[in-house]
Amino acid sequence: MLYERDGAVATLTLNRPERLNAIVPELIDDLEAALDRAEEDAEVRVIRLAGAGRAFCAGYDIEWGARAMEEAGEPWDPIADHRMMSRYVRAYMRLWRSPCPVIAQVHGFCVGGGTDLALCSDLIVIAEDARLGYPPARVWGSPTTAMWIYRLGAERAKRLLLTGDPLDGRRAVEWGLASECAPEPELDAAGRQLAARVGQLPANQLTMMKLLVNQAYDQMGLPVTQLVGTLLDGAARHTPEGEAFTRAAMEDVRAAVAERDAPFGDYGQERR
């Protein structure tokens, strides 16, 4: 995780570009340490979250995840699984509950667990040609933070989770999932401009405005929905189809993902 401060804005950059910033335990540890640093700095009023290289975040590192499942052995313990995944949910929700507003600056692929990082942020600025979606809805996953439901409503959340289809940046703005989109070469400037604009408010006002909105989602049952989502995520990885995906991923991750997405012609299967 790279850390940069410019005035009132702290920029946190996911920094595994060779793996499209795929999530592993060390990345989550570094994210939390960077959040600690930003929140302890009285000069920081806004956090901007970005990704190095060609993508914002390609989700969980499937090789690591498949290996972790194999090492866990049999029988599957759903509570141990929940305890493991809750660590990640707590880290994502630190973005949501941070006293500083968090702006996710999304480019390239933002898929699977990467969408938790984006959707638990307060605002999203996205590249026009980005791909934001949850392909594990097809096999091997359930969105643990459940933020699709709260940010999009039932109809559009079901439209995406019953297909695993992605949104591009323009559609994300049209659907109200992102604040604005820009051509990728202009995205960094757009993200910095929005962060600087938000950062003009006093820190106490920003915290109060964020609390006002967030508590409404808590009242809607967000913590309980996340409990269900995290339990279902473990179950999805242990269905017959989920275990078959794990075995295939242990042999060849790219082939396993290609077989999953080929019928839909998207993500890595599409020509961009």
C-alpha atoms as a PDB file:
ATOM      1  CA  MET A   1       0.000   0.000   0.000  1.00  0.00           C
ATOM      2  CA  LEU A   2       1.413   3.356  -1.045  1.00  0.00           C
ATOM      3  CA  TYR A   3       0.648   6.436   1.064  1.00  0.00           C
ATOM      4  CA  GLU A   4       0.720  10.067  -0.041  1.00  0.00           C
ATOM      5  CA  ARG A   5      -0.664  13.221   1.564  1.00  0.00           C
ATOM      6  CA  ASP A   6      -1.393  16.403  -0.334  1.00  0.00           C
ATOM      7  CA  GLY A   7      -2.937  18.994   1.949  1.00  0.00           C
ATOM      8  CA  ALA A   8      -6.146  17.613   3.425  1.00  0.00           C
ATOM      9  CA  VAL A   9      -6.186  14.556   1.127  1.00  0.00           C
ATOM     10  CA  ALA A  10      -4.457  11.264   1.894  1.00  0.00           C
ATOM     11  CA  THR A  11      -4.137   8.942  -1.106  1.00  0.00           C
ATOM     12  CA  LEU A  12      -3.922   5.202  -0.416  1.00  0.00           C
ATOM     13  CA  THR A  13      -2.881   3.153  -3.441  1.00  0.00           C
ATOM     14  CA  LEU A  14      -3.236  -0.625  -3.669  1.00  0.00           C
ATOM     15  CA  ASN A  15       0.187  -1.712  -4.871  1.00  0.00           C
ATOM     16  CA  ARG A  16       0.218  -5.260  -6.279  1.00  0.00           C
ATOM     17  CA  PRO A  17       0.078  -4.231  -9.946  1.00  0.00           C
ATOM     18  CA  GLU A  18       1.630  -7.489 -11.156  1.00  0.00           C
ATOM     19  CA  ARG A  19      -1.453  -9.292  -9.726  1.00  0.00           C
ATOM     20  CA  LEU A  20      -3.955  -6.541 -10.618  1.00  0.00           C
ATOM     21  CA  ASN A  21      -3.986  -5.616  -6.911  1.00  0.00           C
ATOM     22  CA  ALA A  22      -5.668  -8.895  -5.995  1.00  0.00           C
ATOM     23  CA  ILE A  23      -6.512  -9.228  -2.318  1.00  0.00           C
ATOM     24  CA  VAL A  24      -4.330 -11.274   0.037  1.00  0.00           C
ATOM     25  CA  PRO A  25      -4.002 -10.978   3.845  1.00  0.00           C
ATOM     26  CA  GLU A  26      -0.916  -8.757   3.599  1.00  0.00           C
ATOM     27  CA  LEU A  27      -2.746  -6.214   1.441  1.00  0.00           C
ATOM     28  CA  ILE A  28      -5.541  -5.999   4.018  1.00  0.00           C
ATOM     29  CA  ASP A  29      -3.002  -5.535   6.827  1.00  0.00           C
ATOM     30  CA  ASP A  30      -1.371  -2.700   4.884  1.00  0.00           C
ATOM     31  CA  LEU A  31      -4.761  -1.110   4.128  1.00  0.00           C
ATOM     32  CA  GLU A  32      -5.647  -1.004   7.807  1.00  0.00           C
ATOM     33  CA  ALA A  33      -2.236   0.400   8.737  1.00  0.00           C
ATOM     34  CA  ALA A  34      -2.644   3.132   6.106  1.00  0.00           C
ATOM     35  CA  LEU A  35      -6.125   3.963   7.405  1.00  0.00           C
ATOM     36  CA  ASP A  36      -4.682   4.221  10.925  1.00  0.00           C
ATOM     37  CA  ARG A  37      -2.057   6.630   9.646  1.00  0.00           C
ATOM     38  CA  ALA A  38      -4.577   8.808   7.821  1.00  0.00           C
ATOM     39  CA  GLU A  39      -7.065   8.888  10.682  1.00  0.00           C
ATOM     40  CA  GLU A  40      -4.378   9.808  13.200  1.00  0.00           C
ATOM     41  CA  ASP A  41      -3.226  12.764  11.086  1.00  0.00           C
ATOM     42  CA  ALA A  42      -5.212  15.856  12.114  1.00  0.00           C
ATOM     43  CA  GLU A  43      -4.466  17.441   8.730  1.00  0.00           C
ATOM     44  CA  VAL A  44      -6.246  14.686   6.781  1.00  0.00           C
ATOM     45  CA  ARG A  45      -9.932  15.264   6.079  1.00  0.00           C
ATOM     46  CA  VAL A  46     -10.436  13.077   2.982  1.00  0.00           C
ATOM     47  CA  ILE A  47      -9.065   9.692   1.893  1.00  0.00           C
ATOM     48  CA  ARG A  48      -8.687   8.776  -1.776  1.00  0.00           C
ATOM     49  CA  LEU A  49      -8.365   5.054  -2.550  1.00  0.00           C
ATOM     50  CA  ALA A  50      -6.785   4.068  -5.863  1.00  0.00           C
ATOM     51  CA  GLY A  51      -5.059   1.124  -7.522  1.00  0.00           C
ATOM     52  CA  ALA A  52      -1.626   0.951  -9.156  1.00  0.00           C
ATOM     53  CA  GLY A  53      -1.174  -0.427 -12.650  1.00  0.00           C
ATOM     54  CA  ARG A  54      -3.881  -1.654 -15.023  1.00  0.00           C
ATOM     55  CA  ALA A  55      -6.703  -2.219 -12.530  1.00  0.00           C
ATOM     56  CA  PHE A  56      -8.239  -0.943  -9.323  1.00  0.00           C
ATOM     57  CA  CYS A  57      -8.599  -4.439  -7.831  1.00  0.00           C
ATOM     58  CA  ALA A  58      -9.237  -7.832  -9.440  1.00  0.00           C
ATOM     59  CA  GLY A  59     -10.832  -9.238  -6.281  1.00  0.00           C
ATOM     60  CA  TYR A  60      -9.417 -11.931  -4.058  1.00  0.00           C
ATOM     61  CA  ASP A  61      -6.271 -13.651  -5.286  1.00  0.00           C
ATOM     62  CA  ILE A  62      -7.886 -16.902  -6.451  1.00  0.00           C
ATOM     63  CA  GLU A  63      -4.663 -18.897  -6.174  1.00  0.00           C
ATOM     64  CA  TRP A  64      -4.334 -17.848  -2.540  1.00  0.00           C
ATOM     65  CA  GLY A  65      -8.035 -18.503  -1.855  1.00  0.00           C
ATOM     66  CA  ALA A  66      -8.020 -21.961  -3.425  1.00  0.00           C
ATOM     67  CA  ARG A  67      -4.876 -22.870  -1.528  1.00  0.00           C
ATOM     68  CA  ALA A  68      -6.408 -21.635   1.750  1.00  0.00           C
ATOM     69  CA  MET A  69      -9.473 -23.815   1.154  1.00  0.00           C
ATOM     70  CA  GLU A  70      -7.313 -26.843   0.435  1.00  0.00           C
ATOM     71  CA  GLU A  71      -5.242 -26.261   3.570  1.00  0.00           C
ATOM     72  CA  ALA A  72      -8.405 -25.934   5.683  1.00  0.00           C
ATOM     73  CA  GLY A  73      -9.206 -29.551   4.838  1.00  0.00           C
ATOM     74  CA  GLU A  74     -12.384 -31.446   5.666  1.00  0.00           C
ATOM     75  CA  PRO A  75     -14.901 -31.280   7.149  1.00  0.00           C
ATOM     76  CA  TRP A  76     -15.770 -27.694   6.368  1.00  0.00           C
ATOM     77  CA  ASP A  77     -16.420 -25.611   9.471  1.00  0.00           C
ATOM     78  CA  PRO A  78     -18.797 -22.749   8.520  1.00  0.00           C
ATOM     79  CA  ILE A  79     -18.069 -20.818  11.708  1.00  0.00           C
ATOM     80  CA  ALA A  80     -14.303 -20.995  11.185  1.00  0.00           C
ATOM     81  CA  ASP A  81     -14.936 -19.851   7.598  1.00  0.00           C
ATOM     82  CA  HIS A  82     -17.073 -16.970   8.858  1.00  0.00           C
ATOM     83  CA  ARG A  83     -14.381 -15.966  11.317  1.00  0.00           C
ATOM     84  CA  MET A  84     -11.777 -15.928   8.526  1.00  0.00           C
ATOM     85  CA  MET A  85     -13.896 -13.868   6.120  1.00  0.00           C
ATOM     86  CA  SER A  86     -15.151 -11.495   8.811  1.00  0.00           C
ATOM     87  CA  ARG A  87     -11.621 -10.153   9.057  1.00  0.00           C
ATOM     88  CA  TYR A  88     -11.958  -8.844   5.503  1.00  0.00           C
ATOM     89  CA  VAL A  89     -15.462  -7.480   6.040  1.00  0.00           C
ATOM     90  CA  ARG A  90     -14.248  -5.534   9.071  1.00  0.00           C
ATOM     91  CA  ALA A  91     -11.411  -4.052   6.991  1.00  0.00           C
ATOM     92  CA  TYR A  92     -13.747  -3.010   4.149  1.00  0.00           C
ATOM     93  CA  MET A  93     -16.173  -1.497   6.633  1.00  0.00           C
ATOM     94  CA  ARG A  94     -13.384   0.610   8.071  1.00  0.00           C
ATOM     95  CA  LEU A  95     -13.720   2.621   4.858  1.00  0.00           C
ATOM     96  CA  TRP A  96     -17.456   3.001   5.494  1.00  0.00           C
ATOM     97  CA  ARG A  97     -17.009   3.901   9.169  1.00  0.00           C
ATOM     98  CA  SER A  98     -13.879   6.034   8.896  1.00  0.00           C
ATOM     99  CA  PRO A  99     -14.438   9.565  10.217  1.00  0.00           C
ATOM    100  CA  CYS A 100     -12.895  10.745   6.946  1.00  0.00           C
ATOM    101  CA  PRO A 101     -14.946  10.510   3.742  1.00  0.00           C
ATOM    102  CA  VAL A 102     -13.381   7.940   1.388  1.00  0.00           C
ATOM    103  CA  ILE A 103     -13.401   8.377  -2.399  1.00  0.00           C
ATOM    104  CA  ALA A 104     -12.683   5.267  -4.476  1.00  0.00           C
ATOM    105  CA  GLN A 105     -11.007   6.041  -7.789  1.00  0.00           C
ATOM    106  CA  VAL A 106     -11.811   3.035  -9.989  1.00  0.00           C
ATOM    107  CA  HIS A 107     -10.169   2.087 -13.282  1.00  0.00           C
ATOM    108  CA  GLY A 108      -9.684  -1.129 -15.219  1.00  0.00           C
ATOM    109  CA  PHE A 109     -11.216  -4.106 -13.464  1.00  0.00           C
ATOM    110  CA  CYS A 110     -12.971  -3.757 -10.111  1.00  0.00           C
ATOM    111  CA  VAL A 111     -14.426  -7.199  -9.526  1.00  0.00           C
ATOM    112  CA  GLY A 112     -15.272  -9.666  -6.770  1.00  0.00           C
ATOM    113  CA  GLY A 113     -13.777  -8.568  -3.464  1.00  0.00           C
ATOM    114  CA  GLY A 114     -12.477  -5.447  -5.172  1.00  0.00           C
ATOM    115  CA  THR A 115     -16.056  -4.209  -5.361  1.00  0.00           C
ATOM    116  CA  ASP A 116     -16.232  -4.391  -1.563  1.00  0.00           C
ATOM    117  CA  LEU A 117     -13.397  -1.870  -1.397  1.00  0.00           C
ATOM    118  CA  ALA A 118     -15.207   0.433  -3.821  1.00  0.00           C
ATOM    119  CA  LEU A 119     -18.746   0.044  -2.497  1.00  0.00           C
ATOM    120  CA  CYS A 120     -17.712   0.486   1.142  1.00  0.00           C
ATOM    121  CA  SER A 121     -16.166   3.817   0.190  1.00  0.00           C
ATOM    122  CA  ASP A 122     -18.383   6.874   0.398  1.00  0.00           C
ATOM    123  CA  LEU A 123     -18.064   8.090  -3.179  1.00  0.00           C
ATOM    124  CA  ILE A 124     -16.883   6.485  -6.405  1.00  0.00           C
ATOM    125  CA  VAL A 125     -15.214   8.185  -9.364  1.00  0.00           C
ATOM    126  CA  ILE A 126     -14.823   5.714 -12.214  1.00  0.00           C
ATOM    127  CA  ALA A 127     -13.180   5.458 -15.625  1.00  0.00           C
ATOM    128  CA  GLU A 128     -15.619   5.297 -18.519  1.00  0.00           C
ATOM    129  CA  ASP A 129     -14.244   1.946 -19.714  1.00  0.00           C
ATOM    130  CA  ALA A 130     -13.852   0.349 -16.275  1.00  0.00           C
ATOM    131  CA  ARG A 131     -15.539  -2.974 -15.523  1.00  0.00           C
ATOM    132  CA  LEU A 132     -17.207  -3.160 -12.123  1.00  0.00           C
ATOM    133  CA  GLY A 133     -19.043  -6.365 -11.220  1.00  0.00           C
ATOM    134  CA  TYR A 134     -19.260  -9.504  -9.119  1.00  0.00           C
ATOM    135  CA  PRO A 135     -18.472 -12.563 -11.299  1.00  0.00           C
ATOM    136  CA  PRO A 136     -18.226 -14.877  -8.225  1.00  0.00           C
ATOM    137  CA  ALA A 137     -22.039 -14.619  -8.158  1.00  0.00           C
ATOM    138  CA  ARG A 138     -21.836 -17.229 -10.955  1.00  0.00           C
ATOM    139  CA  VAL A 139     -19.897 -19.670  -8.799  1.00  0.00           C
ATOM    140  CA  TRP A 140     -17.672 -19.537  -5.689  1.00  0.00           C
ATOM    141  CA  GLY A 141     -18.936 -16.471  -3.883  1.00  0.00           C
ATOM    142  CA  SER A 142     -21.495 -14.187  -2.260  1.00  0.00           C
ATOM    143  CA  PRO A 143     -20.801 -10.471  -1.656  1.00  0.00           C
ATOM    144  CA  THR A 144     -19.883 -10.434   2.019  1.00  0.00           C
ATOM    145  CA  THR A 145     -20.515  -6.718   2.565  1.00  0.00           C
ATOM    146  CA  ALA A 146     -23.841  -6.861   0.656  1.00  0.00           C
ATOM    147  CA  MET A 147     -23.380  -3.258  -0.426  1.00  0.00           C
ATOM    148  CA  TRP A 148     -24.902  -3.875  -3.867  1.00  0.00           C
ATOM    149  CA  ILE A 149     -28.329  -4.061  -2.215  1.00  0.00           C
ATOM    150  CA  TYR A 150     -27.993  -0.855  -0.264  1.00  0.00           C
ATOM    151  CA  ARG A 151     -26.403   1.189  -3.023  1.00  0.00           C
ATOM    152  CA  LEU A 152     -28.591   0.034  -5.915  1.00  0.00           C
ATOM    153  CA  GLY A 153     -31.887  -1.296  -4.524  1.00  0.00           C
ATOM    154  CA  ALA A 154     -33.489  -4.674  -5.134  1.00  0.00           C
ATOM    155  CA  GLU A 155     -34.125  -4.603  -8.895  1.00  0.00           C
ATOM    156  CA  ARG A 156     -30.667  -3.513 -10.002  1.00  0.00           C
ATOM    157  CA  ALA A 157     -28.831  -5.508  -7.322  1.00  0.00           C
ATOM    158  CA  LYS A 158     -30.643  -8.651  -8.492  1.00  0.00           C
ATOM    159  CA  ARG A 159     -29.946  -7.772 -12.130  1.00  0.00           C
ATOM    160  CA  LEU A 160     -26.217  -7.831 -11.399  1.00  0.00           C
ATOM    161  CA  LEU A 161     -26.059 -10.652  -8.840  1.00  0.00           C
ATOM    162  CA  LEU A 162     -28.312 -13.026 -10.812  1.00  0.00           C
ATOM    163  CA  THR A 163     -25.984 -12.732 -13.812  1.00  0.00           C
ATOM    164  CA  GLY A 164     -22.604 -11.582 -12.510  1.00  0.00           C
ATOM    165  CA  ASP A 165     -22.660  -8.990 -15.302  1.00  0.00           C
ATOM    166  CA  PRO A 166     -20.393  -5.923 -15.034  1.00  0.00           C
ATOM    167  CA  LEU A 167     -21.160  -2.239 -15.374  1.00  0.00           C
ATOM    168  CA  ASP A 168     -18.947   0.172 -17.239  1.00  0.00           C
ATOM    169  CA  GLY A 169     -18.293   3.640 -15.860  1.00  0.00           C
ATOM    170  CA  ARG A 170     -21.062   5.378 -17.768  1.00  0.00           C
ATOM    171  CA  ARG A 171     -23.691   2.848 -16.641  1.00  0.00           C
ATOM    172  CA  ALA A 172     -22.408   2.998 -13.059  1.00  0.00           C
ATOM    173  CA  VAL A 173     -23.089   6.750 -13.016  1.00  0.00           C
ATOM    174  CA  GLU A 174     -26.450   6.294 -14.760  1.00  0.00           C
ATOM    175  CA  TRP A 175     -27.510   3.767 -12.115  1.00  0.00           C
ATOM    176  CA  GLY A 176     -26.360   5.990  -9.253  1.00  0.00           C
ATOM    177  CA  LEU A 177     -23.522   3.698  -8.192  1.00  0.00           C
ATOM    178  CA  ALA A 178     -20.822   6.289  -8.904  1.00  0.00           C
ATOM    179  CA  SER A 179     -20.709  10.070  -8.641  1.00  0.00           C
ATOM    180  CA  GLU A 180     -18.977  10.704 -11.941  1.00  0.00           C
ATOM    181  CA  CYS A 181     -16.970   9.081 -14.697  1.00  0.00           C
ATOM    182  CA  ALA A 182     -14.139  10.295 -16.883  1.00  0.00           C
ATOM    183  CA  PRO A 183     -11.897   8.938 -19.625  1.00  0.00           C
ATOM    184  CA  GLU A 184      -9.162   6.940 -17.914  1.00  0.00           C
ATOM    185  CA  PRO A 185      -6.379   9.450 -18.751  1.00  0.00           C
ATOM    186  CA  GLU A 186      -8.421  12.122 -16.946  1.00  0.00           C
ATOM    187  CA  LEU A 187      -9.534   9.967 -14.023  1.00  0.00           C
ATOM    188  CA  ASP A 188      -6.735  10.855 -11.619  1.00  0.00           C
ATOM    189  CA  ALA A 189      -7.407  14.562 -12.071  1.00  0.00           C
ATOM    190  CA  ALA A 190     -11.135  13.993 -11.542  1.00  0.00           C
ATOM    191  CA  GLY A 191     -10.495  12.008  -8.374  1.00  0.00           C
ATOM    192  CA  ARG A 192      -8.125  14.610  -6.986  1.00  0.00           C
ATOM    193  CA  GLN A 193     -10.518  17.441  -7.848  1.00  0.00           C
ATOM    194  CA  LEU A 194     -13.455  15.824  -6.044  1.00  0.00           C
ATOM    195  CA  ALA A 195     -11.298  14.968  -3.015  1.00  0.00           C
ATOM    196  CA  ALA A 196     -10.031  18.546  -2.825  1.00  0.00           C
ATOM    197  CA  ARG A 197     -13.588  19.878  -3.052  1.00  0.00           C
ATOM    198  CA  VAL A 198     -14.809  17.619  -0.237  1.00  0.00           C
ATOM    199  CA  GLY A 199     -11.726  18.499   1.784  1.00  0.00           C
ATOM    200  CA  GLN A 200     -12.762  22.160   1.971  1.00  0.00           C
ATOM    201  CA  LEU A 201     -15.333  21.339   4.676  1.00  0.00           C
ATOM    202  CA  PRO A 202     -14.267  21.251   8.322  1.00  0.00           C
ATOM    203  CA  ALA A 203     -13.392  17.777   9.568  1.00  0.00           C
ATOM    204  CA  ASN A 204     -16.203  17.811  12.130  1.00  0.00           C
ATOM    205  CA  GLN A 205     -18.812  18.673   9.480  1.00  0.00           C
ATOM    206  CA  LEU A 206     -17.589  15.884   7.216  1.00  0.00           C
ATOM    207  CA  THR A 207     -17.834  13.351  10.045  1.00  0.00           C
ATOM    208  CA  MET A 208     -21.335  14.506  10.999  1.00  0.00           C
ATOM    209  CA  MET A 209     -22.661  14.406   7.427  1.00  0.00           C
ATOM    210  CA  LYS A 210     -21.213  10.932   6.910  1.00  0.00           C
ATOM    211  CA  LEU A 211     -22.702   9.682  10.191  1.00  0.00           C
ATOM    212  CA  LEU A 212     -26.103  11.062   9.239  1.00  0.00           C
ATOM    213  CA  VAL A 213     -26.250   9.025   6.037  1.00  0.00           C
ATOM    214  CA  ASN A 214     -24.566   5.880   7.357  1.00  0.00           C
ATOM    215  CA  GLN A 215     -26.784   5.458  10.396  1.00  0.00           C
ATOM    216  CA  ALA A 216     -29.804   5.225   8.093  1.00  0.00           C
ATOM    217  CA  TYR A 217     -28.249   2.152   6.462  1.00  0.00           C
ATOM    218  CA  ASP A 218     -27.538   0.616   9.839  1.00  0.00           C
ATOM    219  CA  GLN A 219     -31.213   1.089  10.681  1.00  0.00           C
ATOM    220  CA  MET A 220     -32.089  -0.806   7.488  1.00  0.00           C
ATOM    221  CA  GLY A 221     -30.263  -3.845   8.848  1.00  0.00           C
ATOM    222  CA  LEU A 222     -26.882  -3.605   7.145  1.00  0.00           C
ATOM    223  CA  PRO A 223     -24.966  -5.520   9.881  1.00  0.00           C
ATOM    224  CA  VAL A 224     -27.406  -8.452   9.766  1.00  0.00           C
ATOM    225  CA  THR A 225     -27.338  -8.579   5.959  1.00  0.00           C
ATOM    226  CA  GLN A 226     -23.542  -8.680   6.069  1.00  0.00           C
ATOM    227  CA  LEU A 227     -23.665 -11.588   8.522  1.00  0.00           C
ATOM    228  CA  VAL A 228     -25.856 -13.513   6.069  1.00  0.00           C
ATOM    229  CA  GLY A 229     -23.699 -12.505   3.098  1.00  0.00           C
ATOM    230  CA  THR A 230     -20.516 -13.708   4.800  1.00  0.00           C
ATOM    231  CA  LEU A 231     -22.051 -17.049   5.785  1.00  0.00           C
ATOM    232  CA  LEU A 232     -23.399 -17.534   2.261  1.00  0.00           C
ATOM    233  CA  ASP A 233     -19.983 -16.755   0.809  1.00  0.00           C
ATOM    234  CA  GLY A 234     -18.527 -19.734   2.662  1.00  0.00           C
ATOM    235  CA  ALA A 235     -21.444 -21.915   1.587  1.00  0.00           C
ATOM    236  CA  ALA A 236     -21.006 -20.871  -2.060  1.00  0.00           C
ATOM    237  CA  ARG A 237     -17.385 -22.027  -2.023  1.00  0.00           C
ATOM    238  CA  HIS A 238     -18.454 -25.447  -0.701  1.00  0.00           C
ATOM    239  CA  THR A 239     -21.274 -26.312  -3.092  1.00  0.00           C
ATOM    240  CA  PRO A 240     -20.444 -29.065  -5.606  1.00  0.00           C
ATOM    241  CA  GLU A 241     -19.883 -26.355  -8.220  1.00  0.00           C
ATOM    242  CA  GLY A 242     -17.798 -24.279  -5.831  1.00  0.00           C
ATOM    243  CA  GLU A 243     -15.535 -27.188  -4.923  1.00  0.00           C
ATOM    244  CA  ALA A 244     -15.152 -28.047  -8.616  1.00  0.00           C
ATOM    245  CA  PHE A 245     -14.066 -24.458  -9.252  1.00  0.00           C
ATOM    246  CA  THR A 246     -11.538 -24.709  -6.412  1.00  0.00           C
ATOM    247  CA  ARG A 247     -10.032 -27.892  -7.918  1.00  0.00           C
ATOM    248  CA  ALA A 248      -9.881 -26.298 -11.358  1.00  0.00           C
ATOM    249  CA  ALA A 249      -8.283 -23.126  -9.950  1.00  0.00           C
ATOM    250  CA  MET A 250      -5.611 -25.161  -8.171  1.00  0.00           C
ATOM    251  CA  GLU A 251      -4.610 -26.576 -11.568  1.00  0.00           C
ATOM    252  CA  ASP A 252      -4.975 -23.436 -13.712  1.00  0.00           C
ATOM    253  CA  VAL A 253      -6.560 -20.227 -12.399  1.00  0.00           C
ATOM    254  CA  ARG A 254      -6.856 -18.560 -15.793  1.00  0.00           C
ATOM    255  CA  ALA A 255      -8.538 -21.581 -17.334  1.00  0.00           C
ATOM    256  CA  ALA A 256     -10.988 -21.895 -14.428  1.00  0.00           C
ATOM    257  CA  VAL A 257     -11.989 -18.242 -14.682  1.00  0.00           C
ATOM    258  CA  ALA A 258     -12.225 -18.447 -18.475  1.00  0.00           C
ATOM    259  CA  GLU A 259     -14.533 -21.454 -18.267  1.00  0.00           C
ATOM    260  CA  ARG A 260     -16.755 -19.612 -15.780  1.00  0.00           C
ATOM    261  CA  ASP A 261     -17.032 -16.413 -17.820  1.00  0.00           C
ATOM    262  CA  ALA A 262     -16.870 -17.727 -21.403  1.00  0.00           C
ATOM    263  CA  PRO A 263     -20.657 -18.247 -21.765  1.00  0.00           C
ATOM    264  CA  PHE A 264     -21.200 -14.613 -20.800  1.00  0.00           C
ATOM    265  CA  GLY A 265     -18.440 -13.163 -22.992  1.00  0.00           C
ATOM    266  CA  ASP A 266     -17.309 -10.581 -20.453  1.00  0.00           C
ATOM    267  CA  TYR A 267     -14.461  -9.654 -18.082  1.00  0.00           C
ATOM    268  CA  GLY A 268     -11.327 -11.344 -19.445  1.00  0.00           C
ATOM    269  CA  GLN A 269     -13.308 -12.911 -22.294  1.00  0.00           C
ATOM    270  CA  GLU A 270     -14.376  -9.680 -23.950  1.00  0.00           C
ATOM    271  CA  ARG A 271     -12.431  -7.717 -26.517  1.00  0.00           C
ATOM    272  CA  ARG A 272     -11.889  -4.216 -25.207  1.00  0.00           C
END
